[in-house]
């Protein structure tokens, strides 16, 4: 599992590669099937779901490909529990 640390300055640090990464690079890692976890660098709080949601938001902002009705359903019904 790749660990990404998020710092207060909003920078994301890949601990495996020892370098800062962008949100777009995180999206590419996920597309490649990489398992990753995003942790707050100070509190160790798991921020993975928030960062993945941010990736989805940014992709939608750029492409507009998400069906509006599906987004409405998620908001109305909440996310499915797995």
PDB file of N, CA and C in Angstrom:
ATOM      1  N   UNK A   1       0.859  -1.186   0.000  1.00  0.00           N
ATOM      2  CA  UNK A   1       0.000   0.000   0.000  1.00  0.00           C
ATOM      3  C   UNK A   1       0.894   1.235   0.000  1.00  0.00           C
ATOM      4  N   UNK A   2       0.657   2.107  -0.951  1.00  0.00           N
ATOM      5  CA  UNK A   2       1.413   3.354  -1.040  1.00  0.00           C
ATOM      6  C   UNK A   2       0.803   4.360  -0.070  1.00  0.00           C
ATOM      7  N   UNK A   3       1.637   5.022   0.710  1.00  0.00           N
ATOM      8  CA  UNK A   3       1.170   6.020   1.675  1.00  0.00           C
ATOM      9  C   UNK A   3       1.534   7.406   1.162  1.00  0.00           C
ATOM     10  N   UNK A   4       0.517   8.260   1.116  1.00  0.00           N
ATOM     11  CA  UNK A   4       0.676   9.653   0.719  1.00  0.00           C
ATOM     12  C   UNK A   4       0.393  10.505   1.952  1.00  0.00           C
ATOM     13  N   UNK A   5       1.272  11.404   2.256  1.00  0.00           N
ATOM     14  CA  UNK A   5       1.065  12.303   3.402  1.00  0.00           C
ATOM     15  C   UNK A   5       0.621  13.663   2.882  1.00  0.00           C
ATOM     16  N   UNK A   6      -0.441  14.197   3.513  1.00  0.00           N
ATOM     17  CA  UNK A   6      -0.932  15.524   3.150  1.00  0.00           C
ATOM     18  C   UNK A   6      -0.492  16.503   4.220  1.00  0.00           C
ATOM     19  N   UNK A   7       0.202  17.529   3.789  1.00  0.00           N
ATOM     20  CA  UNK A   7       0.693  18.545   4.713  1.00  0.00           C
ATOM     21  C   UNK A   7      -0.246  19.738   4.745  1.00  0.00           C
ATOM     22  N   UNK A   8      -0.097  20.581   5.773  1.00  0.00           N
ATOM     23  CA  UNK A   8      -0.969  21.747   5.948  1.00  0.00           C
ATOM     24  C   UNK A   8      -0.932  22.693   4.761  1.00  0.00           C
ATOM     25  N   UNK A   9       0.172  22.718   4.034  1.00  0.00           N
ATOM     26  CA  UNK A   9       0.276  23.597   2.872  1.00  0.00           C
ATOM     27  C   UNK A   9      -0.386  22.982   1.637  1.00  0.00           C
ATOM     28  N   UNK A  10      -1.174  21.919   1.839  1.00  0.00           N
ATOM     29  CA  UNK A  10      -1.922  21.196   0.815  1.00  0.00           C
ATOM     30  C   UNK A  10      -1.047  20.339  -0.088  1.00  0.00           C
ATOM     31  N   UNK A  11       0.239  20.253   0.211  1.00  0.00           N
ATOM     32  CA  UNK A  11       1.108  19.412  -0.598  1.00  0.00           C
ATOM     33  C   UNK A  11       0.919  17.953  -0.223  1.00  0.00           C
ATOM     34  N   UNK A  12       1.023  17.106  -1.228  1.00  0.00           N
ATOM     35  CA  UNK A  12       0.896  15.664  -1.058  1.00  0.00           C
ATOM     36  C   UNK A  12       2.268  15.040  -1.276  1.00  0.00           C
ATOM     37  N   UNK A  13       2.706  14.203  -0.346  1.00  0.00           N
ATOM     38  CA  UNK A  13       4.041  13.624  -0.398  1.00  0.00           C
ATOM     39  C   UNK A  13       3.955  12.105  -0.476  1.00  0.00           C
ATOM     40  N   UNK A  14       4.498  11.552  -1.540  1.00  0.00           N
ATOM     41  CA  UNK A  14       4.530  10.113  -1.750  1.00  0.00           C
ATOM     42  C   UNK A  14       5.711   9.547  -0.974  1.00  0.00           C
ATOM     43  N   UNK A  15       5.431   8.776   0.072  1.00  0.00           N
ATOM     44  CA  UNK A  15       6.507   8.267   0.926  1.00  0.00           C
ATOM     45  C   UNK A  15       7.307   7.161   0.240  1.00  0.00           C
ATOM     46  N   UNK A  16       6.729   6.471  -0.717  1.00  0.00           N
ATOM     47  CA  UNK A  16       7.456   5.422  -1.432  1.00  0.00           C
ATOM     48  C   UNK A  16       8.491   6.019  -2.379  1.00  0.00           C
ATOM     49  N   UNK A  17       8.083   7.050  -3.118  1.00  0.00           N
ATOM     50  CA  UNK A  17       8.960   7.675  -4.100  1.00  0.00           C
ATOM     51  C   UNK A  17       9.770   8.834  -3.518  1.00  0.00           C
ATOM     52  N   UNK A  18       9.467   9.227  -2.295  1.00  0.00           N
ATOM     53  CA  UNK A  18      10.130  10.362  -1.626  1.00  0.00           C
ATOM     54  C   UNK A  18      10.077  11.633  -2.475  1.00  0.00           C
ATOM     55  N   UNK A  19       8.848  11.976  -2.882  1.00  0.00           N
ATOM     56  CA  UNK A  19       8.651  13.196  -3.680  1.00  0.00           C
ATOM     57  C   UNK A  19       7.216  13.693  -3.536  1.00  0.00           C
ATOM     58  N   UNK A  20       7.047  14.976  -3.824  1.00  0.00           N
ATOM     59  CA  UNK A  20       5.712  15.547  -3.819  1.00  0.00           C
ATOM     60  C   UNK A  20       4.983  15.132  -5.089  1.00  0.00           C
ATOM     61  N   UNK A  21       3.671  14.945  -4.970  1.00  0.00           N
ATOM     62  CA  UNK A  21       2.851  14.557  -6.112  1.00  0.00           C
ATOM     63  C   UNK A  21       1.640  15.479  -6.196  1.00  0.00           C
ATOM     64  N   UNK A  22       1.065  15.534  -7.376  1.00  0.00           N
ATOM     65  CA  UNK A  22      -0.130  16.334  -7.607  1.00  0.00           C
ATOM     66  C   UNK A  22      -1.365  15.443  -7.511  1.00  0.00           C
ATOM     67  N   UNK A  23      -2.504  16.070  -7.447  1.00  0.00           N
ATOM     68  CA  UNK A  23      -3.763  15.336  -7.446  1.00  0.00           C
ATOM     69  C   UNK A  23      -3.903  14.526  -8.737  1.00  0.00           C
ATOM     70  N   UNK A  24      -3.451  15.095  -9.849  1.00  0.00           N
ATOM     71  CA  UNK A  24      -3.511  14.401 -11.132  1.00  0.00           C
ATOM     72  C   UNK A  24      -2.636  13.144 -11.112  1.00  0.00           C
ATOM     73  N   UNK A  25      -1.492  13.227 -10.468  1.00  0.00           N
ATOM     74  CA  UNK A  25      -0.623  12.056 -10.355  1.00  0.00           C
ATOM     75  C   UNK A  25      -1.254  10.987  -9.469  1.00  0.00           C
ATOM     76  N   UNK A  26      -1.950  11.411  -8.421  1.00  0.00           N
ATOM     77  CA  UNK A  26      -2.676  10.443  -7.587  1.00  0.00           C
ATOM     78  C   UNK A  26      -3.751   9.743  -8.413  1.00  0.00           C
ATOM     79  N   UNK A  27      -4.474  10.507  -9.230  1.00  0.00           N
ATOM     80  CA  UNK A  27      -5.509   9.921 -10.085  1.00  0.00           C
ATOM     81  C   UNK A  27      -4.898   8.889 -11.023  1.00  0.00           C
ATOM     82  N   UNK A  28      -3.746   9.190 -11.580  1.00  0.00           N
ATOM     83  CA  UNK A  28      -3.067   8.255 -12.480  1.00  0.00           C
ATOM     84  C   UNK A  28      -2.681   6.975 -11.744  1.00  0.00           C
ATOM     85  N   UNK A  29      -2.215   7.101 -10.513  1.00  0.00           N
ATOM     86  CA  UNK A  29      -1.862   5.919  -9.719  1.00  0.00           C
ATOM     87  C   UNK A  29      -3.083   5.036  -9.486  1.00  0.00           C
ATOM     88  N   UNK A  30      -4.203   5.660  -9.162  1.00  0.00           N
ATOM     89  CA  UNK A  30      -5.437   4.900  -8.929  1.00  0.00           C
ATOM     90  C   UNK A  30      -5.859   4.200 -10.217  1.00  0.00           C
ATOM     91  N   UNK A  31      -5.781   4.899 -11.357  1.00  0.00           N
ATOM     92  CA  UNK A  31      -6.140   4.291 -12.648  1.00  0.00           C
ATOM     93  C   UNK A  31      -5.254   3.098 -12.977  1.00  0.00           C
ATOM     94  N   UNK A  32      -4.018   3.138 -12.527  1.00  0.00           N
ATOM     95  CA  UNK A  32      -3.077   2.040 -12.768  1.00  0.00           C
ATOM     96  C   UNK A  32      -3.300   0.872 -11.806  1.00  0.00           C
ATOM     97  N   UNK A  33      -4.256   1.026 -10.897  1.00  0.00           N
ATOM     98  CA  UNK A  33      -4.574  -0.037  -9.963  1.00  0.00           C
ATOM     99  C   UNK A  33      -3.793   0.013  -8.662  1.00  0.00           C
ATOM    100  N   UNK A  34      -3.086   1.096  -8.444  1.00  0.00           N
ATOM    101  CA  UNK A  34      -2.273   1.249  -7.228  1.00  0.00           C
ATOM    102  C   UNK A  34      -3.181   1.433  -6.014  1.00  0.00           C
ATOM    103  N   UNK A  35      -2.917   0.692  -4.960  1.00  0.00           N
ATOM    104  CA  UNK A  35      -3.616   0.875  -3.691  1.00  0.00           C
ATOM    105  C   UNK A  35      -2.885   1.977  -2.936  1.00  0.00           C
ATOM    106  N   UNK A  36      -3.616   2.991  -2.520  1.00  0.00           N
ATOM    107  CA  UNK A  36      -2.965   4.069  -1.780  1.00  0.00           C
ATOM    108  C   UNK A  36      -3.823   4.544  -0.641  1.00  0.00           C
ATOM    109  N   UNK A  37      -3.150   5.155   0.302  1.00  0.00           N
ATOM    110  CA  UNK A  37      -3.804   5.726   1.481  1.00  0.00           C
ATOM    111  C   UNK A  37      -3.252   7.122   1.674  1.00  0.00           C
ATOM    112  N   UNK A  38      -4.134   8.084   1.915  1.00  0.00           N
ATOM    113  CA  UNK A  38      -3.718   9.466   2.153  1.00  0.00           C
ATOM    114  C   UNK A  38      -3.934   9.761   3.629  1.00  0.00           C
ATOM    115  N   UNK A  39      -2.858  10.157   4.290  1.00  0.00           N
ATOM    116  CA  UNK A  39      -2.914  10.444   5.719  1.00  0.00           C
ATOM    117  C   UNK A  39      -2.499  11.883   5.987  1.00  0.00           C
ATOM    118  N   UNK A  40      -3.163  12.517   6.948  1.00  0.00           N
ATOM    119  CA  UNK A  40      -2.732  13.833   7.399  1.00  0.00           C
ATOM    120  C   UNK A  40      -1.365  13.666   8.051  1.00  0.00           C
ATOM    121  N   UNK A  41      -0.424  14.490   7.657  1.00  0.00           N
ATOM    122  CA  UNK A  41       0.956  14.353   8.134  1.00  0.00           C
ATOM    123  C   UNK A  41       1.084  14.602   9.632  1.00  0.00           C
ATOM    124  N   UNK A  42       0.202  15.396  10.206  1.00  0.00           N
ATOM    125  CA  UNK A  42       0.304  15.720  11.629  1.00  0.00           C
ATOM    126  C   UNK A  42      -0.545  14.780  12.486  1.00  0.00           C
ATOM    127  N   UNK A  43      -1.812  14.627  12.118  1.00  0.00           N
ATOM    128  CA  UNK A  43      -2.739  13.869  12.964  1.00  0.00           C
ATOM    129  C   UNK A  43      -2.823  12.389  12.606  1.00  0.00           C
ATOM    130  N   UNK A  44      -2.321  12.012  11.435  1.00  0.00           N
ATOM    131  CA  UNK A  44      -2.417  10.637  10.928  1.00  0.00           C
ATOM    132  C   UNK A  44      -3.853  10.255  10.558  1.00  0.00           C
ATOM    133  N   UNK A  45      -4.745  11.234  10.523  1.00  0.00           N
ATOM    134  CA  UNK A  45      -6.135  10.969  10.144  1.00  0.00           C
ATOM    135  C   UNK A  45      -6.192  10.506   8.693  1.00  0.00           C
ATOM    136  N   UNK A  46      -7.007   9.512   8.419  1.00  0.00           N
ATOM    137  CA  UNK A  46      -7.137   8.975   7.066  1.00  0.00           C
ATOM    138  C   UNK A  46      -7.978   9.926   6.211  1.00  0.00           C
ATOM    139  N   UNK A  47      -7.377  10.452   5.159  1.00  0.00           N
ATOM    140  CA  UNK A  47      -8.034  11.402   4.261  1.00  0.00           C
ATOM    141  C   UNK A  47      -8.275  10.799   2.878  1.00  0.00           C
ATOM    142  N   UNK A  48      -8.130   9.488   2.776  1.00  0.00           N
ATOM    143  CA  UNK A  48      -8.207   8.838   1.467  1.00  0.00           C
ATOM    144  C   UNK A  48      -9.518   9.116   0.755  1.00  0.00           C
ATOM    145  N   UNK A  49     -10.641   8.898   1.432  1.00  0.00           N
ATOM    146  CA  UNK A  49     -11.933   9.090   0.757  1.00  0.00           C
ATOM    147  C   UNK A  49     -12.134  10.539   0.335  1.00  0.00           C
ATOM    148  N   UNK A  50     -11.688  11.483   1.143  1.00  0.00           N
ATOM    149  CA  UNK A  50     -11.820  12.900   0.776  1.00  0.00           C
ATOM    150  C   UNK A  50     -10.986  13.225  -0.457  1.00  0.00           C
ATOM    151  N   UNK A  51      -9.780  12.680  -0.544  1.00  0.00           N
ATOM    152  CA  UNK A  51      -8.921  12.947  -1.706  1.00  0.00           C
ATOM    153  C   UNK A  51      -9.456  12.269  -2.953  1.00  0.00           C
ATOM    154  N   UNK A  52      -9.998  11.052  -2.802  1.00  0.00           N
ATOM    155  CA  UNK A  52     -10.595  10.388  -3.959  1.00  0.00           C
ATOM    156  C   UNK A  52     -11.823  11.160  -4.449  1.00  0.00           C
ATOM    157  N   UNK A  53     -12.622  11.664  -3.517  1.00  0.00           N
ATOM    158  CA  UNK A  53     -13.778  12.482  -3.897  1.00  0.00           C
ATOM    159  C   UNK A  53     -13.318  13.759  -4.597  1.00  0.00           C
ATOM    160  N   UNK A  54     -12.217  14.329  -4.133  1.00  0.00           N
ATOM    161  CA  UNK A  54     -11.678  15.533  -4.768  1.00  0.00           C
ATOM    162  C   UNK A  54     -11.226  15.231  -6.196  1.00  0.00           C
ATOM    163  N   UNK A  55     -10.632  14.057  -6.401  1.00  0.00           N
ATOM    164  CA  UNK A  55     -10.225  13.659  -7.753  1.00  0.00           C
ATOM    165  C   UNK A  55     -11.449  13.555  -8.651  1.00  0.00           C
ATOM    166  N   UNK A  56     -12.519  12.926  -8.141  1.00  0.00           N
ATOM    167  CA  UNK A  56     -13.752  12.805  -8.920  1.00  0.00           C
ATOM    168  C   UNK A  56     -14.308  14.184  -9.246  1.00  0.00           C
ATOM    169  N   UNK A  57     -14.329  15.083  -8.272  1.00  0.00           N
ATOM    170  CA  UNK A  57     -14.828  16.444  -8.485  1.00  0.00           C
ATOM    171  C   UNK A  57     -14.023  17.151  -9.575  1.00  0.00           C
ATOM    172  N   UNK A  58     -12.709  17.060  -9.502  1.00  0.00           N
ATOM    173  CA  UNK A  58     -11.851  17.733 -10.488  1.00  0.00           C
ATOM    174  C   UNK A  58     -12.052  17.144 -11.886  1.00  0.00           C
ATOM    175  N   UNK A  59     -12.177  15.834 -11.971  1.00  0.00           N
ATOM    176  CA  UNK A  59     -12.419  15.199 -13.266  1.00  0.00           C
ATOM    177  C   UNK A  59     -13.757  15.659 -13.850  1.00  0.00           C
ATOM    178  N   UNK A  60     -14.776  15.723 -12.995  1.00  0.00           N
ATOM    179  CA  UNK A  60     -16.093  16.164 -13.453  1.00  0.00           C
ATOM    180  C   UNK A  60     -16.047  17.615 -13.917  1.00  0.00           C
ATOM    181  N   UNK A  61     -15.318  18.435 -13.183  1.00  0.00           N
ATOM    182  CA  UNK A  61     -15.200  19.850 -13.550  1.00  0.00           C
ATOM    183  C   UNK A  61     -14.571  19.998 -14.937  1.00  0.00           C
ATOM    184  N   UNK A  62     -13.617  19.143 -15.250  1.00  0.00           N
ATOM    185  CA  UNK A  62     -12.917  19.211 -16.538  1.00  0.00           C
ATOM    186  C   UNK A  62     -13.716  18.585 -17.674  1.00  0.00           C
ATOM    187  N   UNK A  63     -14.381  17.459 -17.401  1.00  0.00           N
ATOM    188  CA  UNK A  63     -14.990  16.687 -18.487  1.00  0.00           C
ATOM    189  C   UNK A  63     -16.505  16.743 -18.532  1.00  0.00           C
ATOM    190  N   UNK A  64     -17.147  16.901 -17.371  1.00  0.00           N
ATOM    191  CA  UNK A  64     -18.609  16.923 -17.326  1.00  0.00           C
ATOM    192  C   UNK A  64     -19.233  15.594 -17.732  1.00  0.00           C
ATOM    193  N   UNK A  65     -18.575  14.480 -17.420  1.00  0.00           N
ATOM    194  CA  UNK A  65     -19.050  13.171 -17.877  1.00  0.00           C
ATOM    195  C   UNK A  65     -19.924  12.433 -16.881  1.00  0.00           C
ATOM    196  N   UNK A  66     -19.986  12.855 -15.635  1.00  0.00           N
ATOM    197  CA  UNK A  66     -20.800  12.122 -14.661  1.00  0.00           C
ATOM    198  C   UNK A  66     -22.284  12.418 -14.877  1.00  0.00           C
ATOM    199  N   UNK A  67     -23.097  11.370 -14.924  1.00  0.00           N
ATOM    200  CA  UNK A  67     -24.540  11.574 -15.106  1.00  0.00           C
ATOM    201  C   UNK A  67     -25.141  12.299 -13.903  1.00  0.00           C
ATOM    202  N   UNK A  68     -25.852  13.357 -14.169  1.00  0.00           N
ATOM    203  CA  UNK A  68     -26.431  14.186 -13.120  1.00  0.00           C
ATOM    204  C   UNK A  68     -27.392  13.374 -12.260  1.00  0.00           C
ATOM    205  N   UNK A  69     -28.182  12.510 -12.878  1.00  0.00           N
ATOM    206  CA  UNK A  69     -29.155  11.743 -12.105  1.00  0.00           C
ATOM    207  C   UNK A  69     -28.467  10.806 -11.114  1.00  0.00           C
ATOM    208  N   UNK A  70     -27.342  10.222 -11.484  1.00  0.00           N
ATOM    209  CA  UNK A  70     -26.606   9.362 -10.559  1.00  0.00           C
ATOM    210  C   UNK A  70     -26.063  10.168  -9.379  1.00  0.00           C
ATOM    211  N   UNK A  71     -25.595  11.378  -9.644  1.00  0.00           N
ATOM    212  CA  UNK A  71     -25.115  12.244  -8.568  1.00  0.00           C
ATOM    213  C   UNK A  71     -26.261  12.607  -7.629  1.00  0.00           C
ATOM    214  N   UNK A  72     -27.427  12.893  -8.186  1.00  0.00           N
ATOM    215  CA  UNK A  72     -28.597  13.190  -7.357  1.00  0.00           C
ATOM    216  C   UNK A  72     -28.952  12.012  -6.465  1.00  0.00           C
ATOM    217  N   UNK A  73     -28.900  10.809  -7.034  1.00  0.00           N
ATOM    218  CA  UNK A  73     -29.223   9.609  -6.264  1.00  0.00           C
ATOM    219  C   UNK A  73     -28.253   9.423  -5.097  1.00  0.00           C
ATOM    220  N   UNK A  74     -26.974   9.669  -5.336  1.00  0.00           N
ATOM    221  CA  UNK A  74     -25.985   9.555  -4.246  1.00  0.00           C
ATOM    222  C   UNK A  74     -26.299  10.540  -3.132  1.00  0.00           C
ATOM    223  N   UNK A  75     -26.658  11.764  -3.511  1.00  0.00           N
ATOM    224  CA  UNK A  75     -26.969  12.781  -2.510  1.00  0.00           C
ATOM    225  C   UNK A  75     -28.255  12.407  -1.766  1.00  0.00           C
ATOM    226  N   UNK A  76     -29.271  11.974  -2.484  1.00  0.00           N
ATOM    227  CA  UNK A  76     -30.537  11.612  -1.846  1.00  0.00           C
ATOM    228  C   UNK A  76     -30.417  10.400  -0.925  1.00  0.00           C
ATOM    229  N   UNK A  77     -29.747   9.377  -1.416  1.00  0.00           N
ATOM    230  CA  UNK A  77     -29.724   8.100  -0.710  1.00  0.00           C
ATOM    231  C   UNK A  77     -28.464   7.859   0.106  1.00  0.00           C
ATOM    232  N   UNK A  78     -27.490   8.727  -0.041  1.00  0.00           N
ATOM    233  CA  UNK A  78     -26.221   8.488   0.625  1.00  0.00           C
ATOM    234  C   UNK A  78     -25.398   7.480  -0.162  1.00  0.00           C
ATOM    235  N   UNK A  79     -24.182   7.311   0.242  1.00  0.00           N
ATOM    236  CA  UNK A  79     -23.310   6.355  -0.438  1.00  0.00           C
ATOM    237  C   UNK A  79     -23.665   4.944   0.007  1.00  0.00           C
ATOM    238  N   UNK A  80     -23.530   3.974  -0.898  1.00  0.00           N
ATOM    239  CA  UNK A  80     -23.822   2.600  -0.516  1.00  0.00           C
ATOM    240  C   UNK A  80     -22.832   2.111   0.542  1.00  0.00           C
ATOM    241  N   UNK A  81     -23.339   1.376   1.503  1.00  0.00           N
ATOM    242  CA  UNK A  81     -22.488   0.812   2.556  1.00  0.00           C
ATOM    243  C   UNK A  81     -21.944  -0.512   2.054  1.00  0.00           C
ATOM    244  N   UNK A  82     -20.626  -0.682   2.164  1.00  0.00           N
ATOM    245  CA  UNK A  82     -20.025  -1.939   1.685  1.00  0.00           C
ATOM    246  C   UNK A  82     -19.618  -2.816   2.838  1.00  0.00           C
TER     247      UNK A  82
END
